[in-house]
PDB file of N, CA and C in Angstrom:
ATOM      1  N   MET A   1       0.825  -1.174  -0.047  1.00  0.00           N
ATOM      2  CA  MET A   1      -0.026  -0.005  -0.013  1.00  0.00           C
ATOM      3  C   MET A   1       0.917   1.204   0.009  1.00  0.00           C
ATOM      4  N   ASN A   2       0.623   2.185  -0.884  1.00  0.00           N
ATOM      5  CA  ASN A   2       1.509   3.343  -0.883  1.00  0.00           C
ATOM      6  C   ASN A   2       1.170   4.284   0.252  1.00  0.00           C
ATOM      7  N   THR A   3       2.029   5.237   0.532  1.00  0.00           N
ATOM      8  CA  THR A   3       1.951   6.118   1.684  1.00  0.00           C
ATOM      9  C   THR A   3       0.616   6.958   1.713  1.00  0.00           C
ATOM     10  N   ILE A   4       0.197   7.416   0.567  1.00  0.00           N
ATOM     11  CA  ILE A   4      -0.959   8.259   0.504  1.00  0.00           C
ATOM     12  C   ILE A   4      -2.289   7.375   0.879  1.00  0.00           C
ATOM     13  N   GLN A   5      -2.297   6.184   0.358  1.00  0.00           N
ATOM     14  CA  GLN A   5      -3.429   5.367   0.656  1.00  0.00           C
ATOM     15  C   GLN A   5      -3.433   5.023   2.188  1.00  0.00           C
ATOM     16  N   PHE A   6      -2.263   4.728   2.708  1.00  0.00           N
ATOM     17  CA  PHE A   6      -2.198   4.311   4.141  1.00  0.00           C
ATOM     18  C   PHE A   6      -2.624   5.522   4.946  1.00  0.00           C
ATOM     19  N   ARG A   7      -2.122   6.744   4.665  1.00  0.00           N
ATOM     20  CA  ARG A   7      -2.501   7.865   5.440  1.00  0.00           C
ATOM     21  C   ARG A   7      -4.017   8.160   5.380  1.00  0.00           C
ATOM     22  N   GLY A   8      -4.537   7.954   4.186  1.00  0.00           N
ATOM     23  CA  GLY A   8      -6.003   8.193   4.009  1.00  0.00           C
ATOM     24  C   GLY A   8      -6.789   7.193   4.770  1.00  0.00           C
ATOM     25  N   ALA A   9      -6.377   5.943   4.779  1.00  0.00           N
ATOM     26  CA  ALA A   9      -7.096   4.871   5.554  1.00  0.00           C
ATOM     27  C   ALA A   9      -6.983   5.162   7.066  1.00  0.00           C
ATOM     28  N   LEU A  10      -5.817   5.561   7.533  1.00  0.00           N
ATOM     29  CA  LEU A  10      -5.598   5.912   8.925  1.00  0.00           C
ATOM     30  C   LEU A  10      -6.458   7.076   9.377  1.00  0.00           C
ATOM     31  N   THR A  11      -6.423   8.108   8.515  1.00  0.00           N
ATOM     32  CA  THR A  11      -7.315   9.251   8.830  1.00  0.00           C
ATOM     33  C   THR A  11      -8.735   8.973   8.896  1.00  0.00           C
ATOM     34  N   LEU A  12      -9.265   8.183   7.932  1.00  0.00           N
ATOM     35  CA  LEU A  12     -10.681   7.760   7.936  1.00  0.00           C
ATOM     36  C   LEU A  12     -11.026   6.966   9.214  1.00  0.00           C
ATOM     37  N   SER A  13     -10.125   6.019   9.529  1.00  0.00           N
ATOM     38  CA  SER A  13     -10.482   5.167  10.808  1.00  0.00           C
ATOM     39  C   SER A  13     -10.468   6.043  12.050  1.00  0.00           C
ATOM     40  N   LEU A  14      -9.582   7.026  12.082  1.00  0.00           N
ATOM     41  CA  LEU A  14      -9.640   7.921  13.287  1.00  0.00           C
ATOM     42  C   LEU A  14     -10.872   8.802  13.333  1.00  0.00           C
ATOM     43  N   LEU A  15     -11.272   9.295  12.122  1.00  0.00           N
ATOM     44  CA  LEU A  15     -12.482  10.077  12.091  1.00  0.00           C
ATOM     45  C   LEU A  15     -13.725   9.275  12.510  1.00  0.00           C
ATOM     46  N   LEU A  16     -13.801   8.088  11.942  1.00  0.00           N
ATOM     47  CA  LEU A  16     -14.970   7.281  12.297  1.00  0.00           C
ATOM     48  C   LEU A  16     -15.000   6.852  13.705  1.00  0.00           C
ATOM     49  N   GLY A  17     -13.841   6.614  14.357  1.00  0.00           N
ATOM     50  CA  GLY A  17     -13.762   6.352  15.763  1.00  0.00           C
ATOM     51  C   GLY A  17     -14.289   7.502  16.646  1.00  0.00           C
ATOM     52  N   ALA A  18     -13.917   8.725  16.171  1.00  0.00           N
ATOM     53  CA  ALA A  18     -14.338   9.909  16.941  1.00  0.00           C
ATOM     54  C   ALA A  18     -15.719  10.176  16.844  1.00  0.00           C
ATOM     55  N   CYS A  19     -16.421   9.783  15.837  1.00  0.00           N
ATOM     56  CA  CYS A  19     -17.909  10.057  15.588  1.00  0.00           C
ATOM     57  C   CYS A  19     -18.755   9.563  16.781  1.00  0.00           C
ATOM     58  N   GLY A  20     -18.379   8.472  17.453  1.00  0.00           N
ATOM     59  CA  GLY A  20     -19.200   7.984  18.531  1.00  0.00           C
ATOM     60  C   GLY A  20     -18.949   8.655  19.866  1.00  0.00           C
ATOM     61  N   GLU A  21     -18.016   9.562  20.013  1.00  0.00           N
ATOM     62  CA  GLU A  21     -17.689  10.183  21.247  1.00  0.00           C
ATOM     63  C   GLU A  21     -18.673  11.290  21.552  1.00  0.00           C
ATOM     64  N   ASN A  22     -18.987  11.484  22.801  1.00  0.00           N
ATOM     65  CA  ASN A  22     -19.740  12.589  23.291  1.00  0.00           C
ATOM     66  C   ASN A  22     -18.864  13.284  24.330  1.00  0.00           C
ATOM     67  N   ARG A  23     -18.224  14.310  23.930  1.00  0.00           N
ATOM     68  CA  ARG A  23     -17.213  14.978  24.740  1.00  0.00           C
ATOM     69  C   ARG A  23     -17.801  15.872  25.806  1.00  0.00           C
ATOM     70  N   ASN A  24     -19.112  16.083  25.791  1.00  0.00           N
ATOM     71  CA  ASN A  24     -19.712  17.009  26.769  1.00  0.00           C
ATOM     72  C   ASN A  24     -20.353  16.267  27.916  1.00  0.00           C
ATOM     73  N   VAL A  25     -20.258  14.891  27.953  1.00  0.00           N
ATOM     74  CA  VAL A  25     -20.852  14.196  28.997  1.00  0.00           C
ATOM     75  C   VAL A  25     -19.893  13.338  29.735  1.00  0.00           C
ATOM     76  N   ALA A  26     -19.909  13.310  31.025  1.00  0.00           N
ATOM     77  CA  ALA A  26     -19.028  12.494  31.803  1.00  0.00           C
ATOM     78  C   ALA A  26     -19.251  10.976  31.390  1.00  0.00           C
ATOM     79  N   PRO A  27     -18.197  10.208  31.318  1.00  0.00           N
ATOM     80  CA  PRO A  27     -18.206   8.818  30.862  1.00  0.00           C
ATOM     81  C   PRO A  27     -19.289   7.981  31.598  1.00  0.00           C
ATOM     82  N   GLY A  28     -19.520   8.183  32.855  1.00  0.00           N
ATOM     83  CA  GLY A  28     -20.517   7.387  33.573  1.00  0.00           C
ATOM     84  C   GLY A  28     -21.935   7.804  33.313  1.00  0.00           C
ATOM     85  N   ASN A  29     -22.162   8.911  32.606  1.00  0.00           N
ATOM     86  CA  ASN A  29     -23.488   9.461  32.377  1.00  0.00           C
ATOM     87  C   ASN A  29     -23.990   9.242  30.957  1.00  0.00           C
ATOM     88  N   ARG A  30     -23.248   8.535  30.110  1.00  0.00           N
ATOM     89  CA  ARG A  30     -23.721   8.422  28.731  1.00  0.00           C
ATOM     90  C   ARG A  30     -24.810   7.427  28.682  1.00  0.00           C
ATOM     91  N   GLN A  31     -25.774   7.751  27.768  1.00  0.00           N
ATOM     92  CA  GLN A  31     -26.891   6.926  27.598  1.00  0.00           C
ATOM     93  C   GLN A  31     -27.131   6.495  26.143  1.00  0.00           C
ATOM     94  N   GLY A  32     -27.829   5.366  25.950  1.00  0.00           N
ATOM     95  CA  GLY A  32     -28.126   4.956  24.610  1.00  0.00           C
ATOM     96  C   GLY A  32     -29.030   5.853  23.842  1.00  0.00           C
ATOM     97  N   ALA A  33     -29.129   5.721  22.546  1.00  0.00           N
ATOM     98  CA  ALA A  33     -29.920   6.514  21.665  1.00  0.00           C
ATOM     99  C   ALA A  33     -31.424   6.523  22.147  1.00  0.00           C
ATOM    100  N   ASP A  34     -31.904   5.355  22.654  1.00  0.00           N
ATOM    101  CA  ASP A  34     -33.339   5.274  23.014  1.00  0.00           C
ATOM    102  C   ASP A  34     -33.616   6.041  24.276  1.00  0.00           C
ATOM    103  N   ALA A  35     -32.572   6.490  24.982  1.00  0.00           N
ATOM    104  CA  ALA A  35     -32.773   7.239  26.251  1.00  0.00           C
ATOM    105  C   ALA A  35     -32.197   8.650  26.064  1.00  0.00           C
ATOM    106  N   ALA A  36     -32.095   9.139  24.836  1.00  0.00           N
ATOM    107  CA  ALA A  36     -31.517  10.454  24.532  1.00  0.00           C
ATOM    108  C   ALA A  36     -32.334  11.531  25.158  1.00  0.00           C
ATOM    109  N   PRO A  37     -31.599  12.563  25.681  1.00  0.00           N
ATOM    110  CA  PRO A  37     -32.293  13.705  26.289  1.00  0.00           C
ATOM    111  C   PRO A  37     -33.050  14.529  25.212  1.00  0.00           C
ATOM    112  N   ARG A  38     -34.047  15.255  25.598  1.00  0.00           N
ATOM    113  CA  ARG A  38     -34.782  16.130  24.698  1.00  0.00           C
ATOM    114  C   ARG A  38     -33.952  17.358  24.357  1.00  0.00           C
ATOM    115  N   ALA A  39     -34.183  17.920  23.184  1.00  0.00           N
ATOM    116  CA  ALA A  39     -33.484  19.136  22.826  1.00  0.00           C
ATOM    117  C   ALA A  39     -34.094  20.332  23.624  1.00  0.00           C
ATOM    118  N   ALA A  40     -33.288  21.325  23.933  1.00  0.00           N
ATOM    119  CA  ALA A  40     -33.743  22.532  24.628  1.00  0.00           C
ATOM    120  C   ALA A  40     -34.592  23.314  23.667  1.00  0.00           C
ATOM    121  N   GLN A  41     -35.670  23.881  24.193  1.00  0.00           N
ATOM    122  CA  GLN A  41     -36.579  24.785  23.384  1.00  0.00           C
ATOM    123  C   GLN A  41     -36.016  26.135  23.388  1.00  0.00           C
ATOM    124  N   SER A  42     -35.907  26.753  22.249  1.00  0.00           N
ATOM    125  CA  SER A  42     -35.408  28.117  22.082  1.00  0.00           C
ATOM    126  C   SER A  42     -36.085  29.121  23.048  1.00  0.00           C
ATOM    127  N   GLY A  43     -35.350  29.806  23.842  1.00  0.00           N
ATOM    128  CA  GLY A  43     -35.865  30.821  24.749  1.00  0.00           C
ATOM    129  C   GLY A  43     -36.364  30.258  26.070  1.00  0.00           C
ATOM    130  N   GLN A  44     -36.508  28.966  26.212  1.00  0.00           N
ATOM    131  CA  GLN A  44     -36.948  28.284  27.454  1.00  0.00           C
ATOM    132  C   GLN A  44     -35.776  28.412  28.481  1.00  0.00           C
ATOM    133  N   VAL A  45     -36.086  28.712  29.705  1.00  0.00           N
ATOM    134  CA  VAL A  45     -35.093  28.799  30.736  1.00  0.00           C
ATOM    135  C   VAL A  45     -35.202  27.609  31.695  1.00  0.00           C
ATOM    136  N   TYR A  46     -34.131  26.941  31.955  1.00  0.00           N
ATOM    137  CA  TYR A  46     -34.105  25.724  32.796  1.00  0.00           C
ATOM    138  C   TYR A  46     -33.209  26.032  33.968  1.00  0.00           C
ATOM    139  N   SER A  47     -33.442  25.343  35.105  1.00  0.00           N
ATOM    140  CA  SER A  47     -32.654  25.543  36.253  1.00  0.00           C
ATOM    141  C   SER A  47     -32.119  24.259  36.903  1.00  0.00           C
ATOM    142  N   ALA A  48     -30.975  24.379  37.611  1.00  0.00           N
ATOM    143  CA  ALA A  48     -30.325  23.166  38.139  1.00  0.00           C
ATOM    144  C   ALA A  48     -29.381  23.636  39.277  1.00  0.00           C
ATOM    145  N   GLU A  49     -28.795  22.632  39.986  1.00  0.00           N
ATOM    146  CA  GLU A  49     -27.762  22.930  40.937  1.00  0.00           C
ATOM    147  C   GLU A  49     -26.591  22.003  40.584  1.00  0.00           C
ATOM    148  N   GLY A  50     -25.353  22.534  40.891  1.00  0.00           N
ATOM    149  CA  GLY A  50     -24.187  21.750  40.590  1.00  0.00           C
ATOM    150  C   GLY A  50     -23.016  22.417  41.262  1.00  0.00           C
ATOM    151  N   ASP A  51     -21.771  21.803  40.951  1.00  0.00           N
ATOM    152  CA  ASP A  51     -20.510  22.251  41.458  1.00  0.00           C
ATOM    153  C   ASP A  51     -19.657  22.710  40.284  1.00  0.00           C
ATOM    154  N   ILE A  52     -19.100  23.922  40.543  1.00  0.00           N
ATOM    155  CA  ILE A  52     -18.229  24.452  39.509  1.00  0.00           C
ATOM    156  C   ILE A  52     -16.954  23.711  39.503  1.00  0.00           C
ATOM    157  N   THR A  53     -16.550  23.217  38.286  1.00  0.00           N
ATOM    158  CA  THR A  53     -15.298  22.404  38.212  1.00  0.00           C
ATOM    159  C   THR A  53     -14.230  23.179  37.443  1.00  0.00           C
ATOM    160  N   ALA A  54     -14.559  24.200  36.754  1.00  0.00           N
ATOM    161  CA  ALA A  54     -13.560  25.039  36.036  1.00  0.00           C
ATOM    162  C   ALA A  54     -14.135  26.356  35.591  1.00  0.00           C
ATOM    163  N   ILE A  55     -13.386  27.380  35.553  1.00  0.00           N
ATOM    164  CA  ILE A  55     -13.716  28.688  35.106  1.00  0.00           C
ATOM    165  C   ILE A  55     -12.601  29.155  34.187  1.00  0.00           C
ATOM    166  N   ALA A  56     -13.024  29.600  32.887  1.00  0.00           N
ATOM    167  CA  ALA A  56     -12.097  30.100  31.929  1.00  0.00           C
ATOM    168  C   ALA A  56     -12.741  31.158  31.174  1.00  0.00           C
ATOM    169  N   GLY A  57     -12.375  32.414  31.588  1.00  0.00           N
ATOM    170  CA  GLY A  57     -12.990  33.600  30.918  1.00  0.00           C
ATOM    171  C   GLY A  57     -14.444  33.655  31.247  1.00  0.00           C
ATOM    172  N   ASP A  58     -15.300  33.681  30.214  1.00  0.00           N
ATOM    173  CA  ASP A  58     -16.763  33.768  30.447  1.00  0.00           C
ATOM    174  C   ASP A  58     -17.412  32.353  30.445  1.00  0.00           C
ATOM    175  N   GLU A  59     -16.579  31.356  30.520  1.00  0.00           N
ATOM    176  CA  GLU A  59     -17.107  29.913  30.429  1.00  0.00           C
ATOM    177  C   GLU A  59     -16.881  29.251  31.790  1.00  0.00           C
ATOM    178  N   LEU A  60     -18.003  28.673  32.298  1.00  0.00           N
ATOM    179  CA  LEU A  60     -17.971  28.031  33.634  1.00  0.00           C
ATOM    180  C   LEU A  60     -18.361  26.541  33.316  1.00  0.00           C
ATOM    181  N   THR A  61     -17.527  25.615  33.766  1.00  0.00           N
ATOM    182  CA  THR A  61     -17.919  24.211  33.669  1.00  0.00           C
ATOM    183  C   THR A  61     -18.559  23.802  34.951  1.00  0.00           C
ATOM    184  N   ILE A  62     -19.706  23.149  34.858  1.00  0.00           N
ATOM    185  CA  ILE A  62     -20.481  22.845  36.021  1.00  0.00           C
ATOM    186  C   ILE A  62     -20.891  21.324  35.962  1.00  0.00           C
ATOM    187  N   SER A  63     -20.632  20.635  37.049  1.00  0.00           N
ATOM    188  CA  SER A  63     -21.068  19.245  37.169  1.00  0.00           C
ATOM    189  C   SER A  63     -22.393  19.329  37.921  1.00  0.00           C
ATOM    190  N   HIS A  64     -23.472  19.078  37.134  1.00  0.00           N
ATOM    191  CA  HIS A  64     -24.790  19.335  37.706  1.00  0.00           C
ATOM    192  C   HIS A  64     -25.639  17.983  37.745  1.00  0.00           C
ATOM    193  N   GLY A  65     -26.655  18.075  38.542  1.00  0.00           N
ATOM    194  CA  GLY A  65     -27.591  16.937  38.635  1.00  0.00           C
ATOM    195  C   GLY A  65     -28.557  16.965  37.439  1.00  0.00           C
ATOM    196  N   PRO A  66     -29.447  16.058  37.483  1.00  0.00           N
ATOM    197  CA  PRO A  66     -30.393  15.957  36.310  1.00  0.00           C
ATOM    198  C   PRO A  66     -31.211  17.297  36.231  1.00  0.00           C
ATOM    199  N   VAL A  67     -31.542  17.606  34.940  1.00  0.00           N
ATOM    200  CA  VAL A  67     -32.390  18.774  34.666  1.00  0.00           C
ATOM    201  C   VAL A  67     -33.720  18.233  34.132  1.00  0.00           C
ATOM    202  N   GLU A  68     -34.690  18.115  35.048  1.00  0.00           N
ATOM    203  CA  GLU A  68     -35.987  17.429  34.668  1.00  0.00           C
ATOM    204  C   GLU A  68     -36.658  18.132  33.458  1.00  0.00           C
ATOM    205  N   GLY A  69     -36.704  19.424  33.470  1.00  0.00           N
ATOM    206  CA  GLY A  69     -37.435  20.138  32.384  1.00  0.00           C
ATOM    207  C   GLY A  69     -36.960  19.868  30.977  1.00  0.00           C
ATOM    208  N   ILE A  70     -35.729  19.429  30.856  1.00  0.00           N
ATOM    209  CA  ILE A  70     -35.196  19.189  29.509  1.00  0.00           C
ATOM    210  C   ILE A  70     -34.848  17.703  29.378  1.00  0.00           C
ATOM    211  N   GLY A  71     -34.986  16.913  30.464  1.00  0.00           N
ATOM    212  CA  GLY A  71     -34.773  15.502  30.358  1.00  0.00           C
ATOM    213  C   GLY A  71     -33.284  15.108  30.407  1.00  0.00           C
ATOM    214  N   TRP A  72     -32.431  16.002  30.873  1.00  0.00           N
ATOM    215  CA  TRP A  72     -30.999  15.714  30.896  1.00  0.00           C
ATOM    216  C   TRP A  72     -30.622  14.873  32.161  1.00  0.00           C
ATOM    217  N   PRO A  73     -29.730  13.920  32.014  1.00  0.00           N
ATOM    218  CA  PRO A  73     -29.187  13.231  33.180  1.00  0.00           C
ATOM    219  C   PRO A  73     -28.126  14.056  33.803  1.00  0.00           C
ATOM    220  N   ALA A  74     -27.601  13.672  34.937  1.00  0.00           N
ATOM    221  CA  ALA A  74     -26.493  14.350  35.626  1.00  0.00           C
ATOM    222  C   ALA A  74     -25.309  14.362  34.589  1.00  0.00           C
ATOM    223  N   MET A  75     -24.608  15.433  34.536  1.00  0.00           N
ATOM    224  CA  MET A  75     -23.466  15.507  33.658  1.00  0.00           C
ATOM    225  C   MET A  75     -22.595  16.725  33.996  1.00  0.00           C
ATOM    226  N   THR A  76     -21.436  16.783  33.383  1.00  0.00           N
ATOM    227  CA  THR A  76     -20.565  17.971  33.487  1.00  0.00           C
ATOM    228  C   THR A  76     -20.471  18.574  32.171  1.00  0.00           C
ATOM    229  N   MET A  77     -20.756  19.940  32.086  1.00  0.00           N
ATOM    230  CA  MET A  77     -20.724  20.575  30.877  1.00  0.00           C
ATOM    231  C   MET A  77     -20.364  22.108  31.028  1.00  0.00           C
ATOM    232  N   ALA A  78     -19.990  22.709  29.907  1.00  0.00           N
ATOM    233  CA  ALA A  78     -19.610  24.127  29.977  1.00  0.00           C
ATOM    234  C   ALA A  78     -20.836  25.040  29.643  1.00  0.00           C
ATOM    235  N   PHE A  79     -20.970  26.101  30.349  1.00  0.00           N
ATOM    236  CA  PHE A  79     -21.965  27.154  30.150  1.00  0.00           C
ATOM    237  C   PHE A  79     -21.294  28.506  29.950  1.00  0.00           C
ATOM    238  N   ARG A  80     -21.783  29.269  29.083  1.00  0.00           N
ATOM    239  CA  ARG A  80     -21.255  30.642  28.855  1.00  0.00           C
ATOM    240  C   ARG A  80     -21.989  31.604  29.788  1.00  0.00           C
ATOM    241  N   ALA A  81     -21.263  32.431  30.434  1.00  0.00           N
ATOM    242  CA  ALA A  81     -21.901  33.425  31.316  1.00  0.00           C
ATOM    243  C   ALA A  81     -22.582  34.533  30.472  1.00  0.00           C
ATOM    244  N   GLN A  82     -23.731  34.944  30.886  1.00  0.00           N
ATOM    245  CA  GLN A  82     -24.387  36.000  30.173  1.00  0.00           C
ATOM    246  C   GLN A  82     -23.680  37.332  30.203  1.00  0.00           C
ATOM    247  N   SER A  83     -22.961  37.545  31.300  1.00  0.00           N
ATOM    248  CA  SER A  83     -22.125  38.671  31.482  1.00  0.00           C
ATOM    249  C   SER A  83     -20.899  38.390  32.316  1.00  0.00           C
ATOM    250  N   PRO A  84     -19.802  39.123  32.100  1.00  0.00           N
ATOM    251  CA  PRO A  84     -18.527  38.730  32.801  1.00  0.00           C
ATOM    252  C   PRO A  84     -18.723  38.855  34.306  1.00  0.00           C
ATOM    253  N   GLU A  85     -19.593  39.758  34.802  1.00  0.00           N
ATOM    254  CA  GLU A  85     -19.791  39.913  36.224  1.00  0.00           C
ATOM    255  C   GLU A  85     -20.440  38.640  36.903  1.00  0.00           C
ATOM    256  N   MET A  86     -21.084  37.872  36.117  1.00  0.00           N
ATOM    257  CA  MET A  86     -21.745  36.706  36.642  1.00  0.00           C
ATOM    258  C   MET A  86     -20.735  35.756  37.311  1.00  0.00           C
ATOM    259  N   ALA A  87     -19.535  35.645  36.848  1.00  0.00           N
ATOM    260  CA  ALA A  87     -18.543  34.746  37.437  1.00  0.00           C
ATOM    261  C   ALA A  87     -17.863  35.307  38.653  1.00  0.00           C
ATOM    262  N   GLU A  88     -18.143  36.561  38.934  1.00  0.00           N
ATOM    263  CA  GLU A  88     -17.483  37.134  40.112  1.00  0.00           C
ATOM    264  C   GLU A  88     -18.118  36.573  41.389  1.00  0.00           C
ATOM    265  N   GLY A  89     -17.259  36.266  42.382  1.00  0.00           N
ATOM    266  CA  GLY A  89     -17.794  35.806  43.671  1.00  0.00           C
ATOM    267  C   GLY A  89     -18.002  34.294  43.711  1.00  0.00           C
ATOM    268  N   VAL A  90     -17.677  33.608  42.612  1.00  0.00           N
ATOM    269  CA  VAL A  90     -17.727  32.123  42.625  1.00  0.00           C
ATOM    270  C   VAL A  90     -16.419  31.618  42.197  1.00  0.00           C
ATOM    271  N   SER A  91     -16.078  30.373  42.719  1.00  0.00           N
ATOM    272  CA  SER A  91     -14.791  29.812  42.330  1.00  0.00           C
ATOM    273  C   SER A  91     -15.035  28.297  42.193  1.00  0.00           C
ATOM    274  N   VAL A  92     -13.982  27.719  41.683  1.00  0.00           N
ATOM    275  CA  VAL A  92     -13.930  26.311  41.445  1.00  0.00           C
ATOM    276  C   VAL A  92     -14.241  25.598  42.834  1.00  0.00           C
ATOM    277  N   GLY A  93     -15.108  24.669  42.773  1.00  0.00           N
ATOM    278  CA  GLY A  93     -15.510  23.916  44.004  1.00  0.00           C
ATOM    279  C   GLY A  93     -16.728  24.441  44.667  1.00  0.00           C
ATOM    280  N   ASP A  94     -17.227  25.603  44.302  1.00  0.00           N
ATOM    281  CA  ASP A  94     -18.443  26.159  44.841  1.00  0.00           C
ATOM    282  C   ASP A  94     -19.679  25.436  44.375  1.00  0.00           C
ATOM    283  N   ARG A  95     -20.611  25.218  45.266  1.00  0.00           N
ATOM    284  CA  ARG A  95     -21.891  24.594  44.857  1.00  0.00           C
ATOM    285  C   ARG A  95     -22.828  25.772  44.495  1.00  0.00           C
ATOM    286  N   VAL A  96     -23.432  25.742  43.288  1.00  0.00           N
ATOM    287  CA  VAL A  96     -24.223  26.831  42.802  1.00  0.00           C
ATOM    288  C   VAL A  96     -25.654  26.357  42.391  1.00  0.00           C
ATOM    289  N   SER A  97     -26.550  27.325  42.397  1.00  0.00           N
ATOM    290  CA  SER A  97     -27.873  27.184  41.791  1.00  0.00           C
ATOM    291  C   SER A  97     -27.754  28.075  40.504  1.00  0.00           C
ATOM    292  N   PHE A  98     -28.289  27.578  39.412  1.00  0.00           N
ATOM    293  CA  PHE A  98     -28.224  28.389  38.160  1.00  0.00           C
ATOM    294  C   PHE A  98     -29.361  28.114  37.260  1.00  0.00           C
ATOM    295  N   ALA A  99     -29.535  29.051  36.332  1.00  0.00           N
ATOM    296  CA  ALA A  99     -30.606  28.974  35.309  1.00  0.00           C
ATOM    297  C   ALA A  99     -29.843  29.193  33.990  1.00  0.00           C
ATOM    298  N   PHE A 100     -30.370  28.617  32.881  1.00  0.00           N
ATOM    299  CA  PHE A 100     -29.748  28.739  31.624  1.00  0.00           C
ATOM    300  C   PHE A 100     -30.732  28.630  30.532  1.00  0.00           C
ATOM    301  N   ARG A 101     -30.312  29.030  29.321  1.00  0.00           N
ATOM    302  CA  ARG A 101     -31.131  28.905  28.134  1.00  0.00           C
ATOM    303  C   ARG A 101     -30.240  28.577  26.947  1.00  0.00           C
ATOM    304  N   GLN A 102     -30.745  27.999  25.935  1.00  0.00           N
ATOM    305  CA  GLN A 102     -29.954  27.727  24.812  1.00  0.00           C
ATOM    306  C   GLN A 102     -29.917  28.872  23.859  1.00  0.00           C
ATOM    307  N   ASP A 103     -28.739  29.210  23.344  1.00  0.00           N
ATOM    308  CA  ASP A 103     -28.480  30.265  22.369  1.00  0.00           C
ATOM    309  C   ASP A 103     -27.685  29.671  21.271  1.00  0.00           C
ATOM    310  N   GLY A 104     -28.298  29.288  20.181  1.00  0.00           N
ATOM    311  CA  GLY A 104     -27.598  28.557  19.159  1.00  0.00           C
ATOM    312  C   GLY A 104     -27.151  27.254  19.600  1.00  0.00           C
ATOM    313  N   SER A 105     -25.865  26.928  19.531  1.00  0.00           N
ATOM    314  CA  SER A 105     -25.319  25.715  20.038  1.00  0.00           C
ATOM    315  C   SER A 105     -24.761  25.819  21.371  1.00  0.00           C
ATOM    316  N   ALA A 106     -24.771  27.045  22.007  1.00  0.00           N
ATOM    317  CA  ALA A 106     -24.238  27.261  23.342  1.00  0.00           C
ATOM    318  C   ALA A 106     -25.392  27.303  24.408  1.00  0.00           C
ATOM    319  N   TYR A 107     -25.032  27.022  25.609  1.00  0.00           N
ATOM    320  CA  TYR A 107     -25.897  27.114  26.743  1.00  0.00           C
ATOM    321  C   TYR A 107     -25.448  28.309  27.515  1.00  0.00           C
ATOM    322  N   VAL A 108     -26.379  29.313  27.755  1.00  0.00           N
ATOM    323  CA  VAL A 108     -25.934  30.562  28.356  1.00  0.00           C
ATOM    324  C   VAL A 108     -26.624  30.658  29.706  1.00  0.00           C
ATOM    325  N   LEU A 109     -25.818  30.944  30.761  1.00  0.00           N
ATOM    326  CA  LEU A 109     -26.276  31.140  32.155  1.00  0.00           C
ATOM    327  C   LEU A 109     -27.101  32.443  32.209  1.00  0.00           C
ATOM    328  N   THR A 110     -28.279  32.377  32.677  1.00  0.00           N
ATOM    329  CA  THR A 110     -29.086  33.632  32.917  1.00  0.00           C
ATOM    330  C   THR A 110     -29.085  34.032  34.364  1.00  0.00           C
ATOM    331  N   SER A 111     -28.707  33.121  35.251  1.00  0.00           N
ATOM    332  CA  SER A 111     -28.570  33.544  36.676  1.00  0.00           C
ATOM    333  C   SER A 111     -27.586  32.467  37.234  1.00  0.00           C
ATOM    334  N   LEU A 112     -26.898  32.937  38.356  1.00  0.00           N
ATOM    335  CA  LEU A 112     -25.917  32.072  39.034  1.00  0.00           C
ATOM    336  C   LEU A 112     -25.782  32.537  40.427  1.00  0.00           C
ATOM    337  N   SER A 113     -25.886  31.717  41.466  1.00  0.00           N
ATOM    338  CA  SER A 113     -25.678  32.045  42.815  1.00  0.00           C
ATOM    339  C   SER A 113     -25.216  30.889  43.598  1.00  0.00           C
ATOM    340  N   LYS A 114     -24.446  31.150  44.649  1.00  0.00           N
ATOM    341  CA  LYS A 114     -23.975  30.022  45.493  1.00  0.00           C
ATOM    342  C   LYS A 114     -25.140  29.425  46.160  1.00  0.00           C
ATOM    343  N   ALA A 115     -25.191  28.045  46.161  1.00  0.00           N
ATOM    344  CA  ALA A 115     -26.337  27.334  46.756  1.00  0.00           C
ATOM    345  C   ALA A 115     -26.161  27.376  48.299  1.00  0.00           C
ATOM    346  N   GLU A 116     -27.269  27.342  48.985  1.00  0.00           N
ATOM    347  CA  GLU A 116     -27.179  27.376  50.397  1.00  0.00           C
ATOM    348  C   GLU A 116     -27.441  26.060  51.022  1.00  0.00           C
TER     349      GLU A 116
END
């Protein structure tokens, strides 16, 4: 097999292997297609509680429990802060209550506060 064919076959196998990955869900929380969560409705606001696991600029990663209104299982995912001030006063490890909505392919925090 010549080098170009080999590289093409290798690239194709790597791409096909990556298609089944879900990078936004913790490994223990993945579900089969028949148990897939519902899509968020545009403009709908959902709420949950969780723990902040990372903060990078206006993006907060939160490990949260199930979100009943949208049918999501517990998972860890990134949310974009609606404003930079929203991340002030919280840090990694804090337990928070938050609300969010879908904006295109992103999930935007509409409120965030330390849980009591």
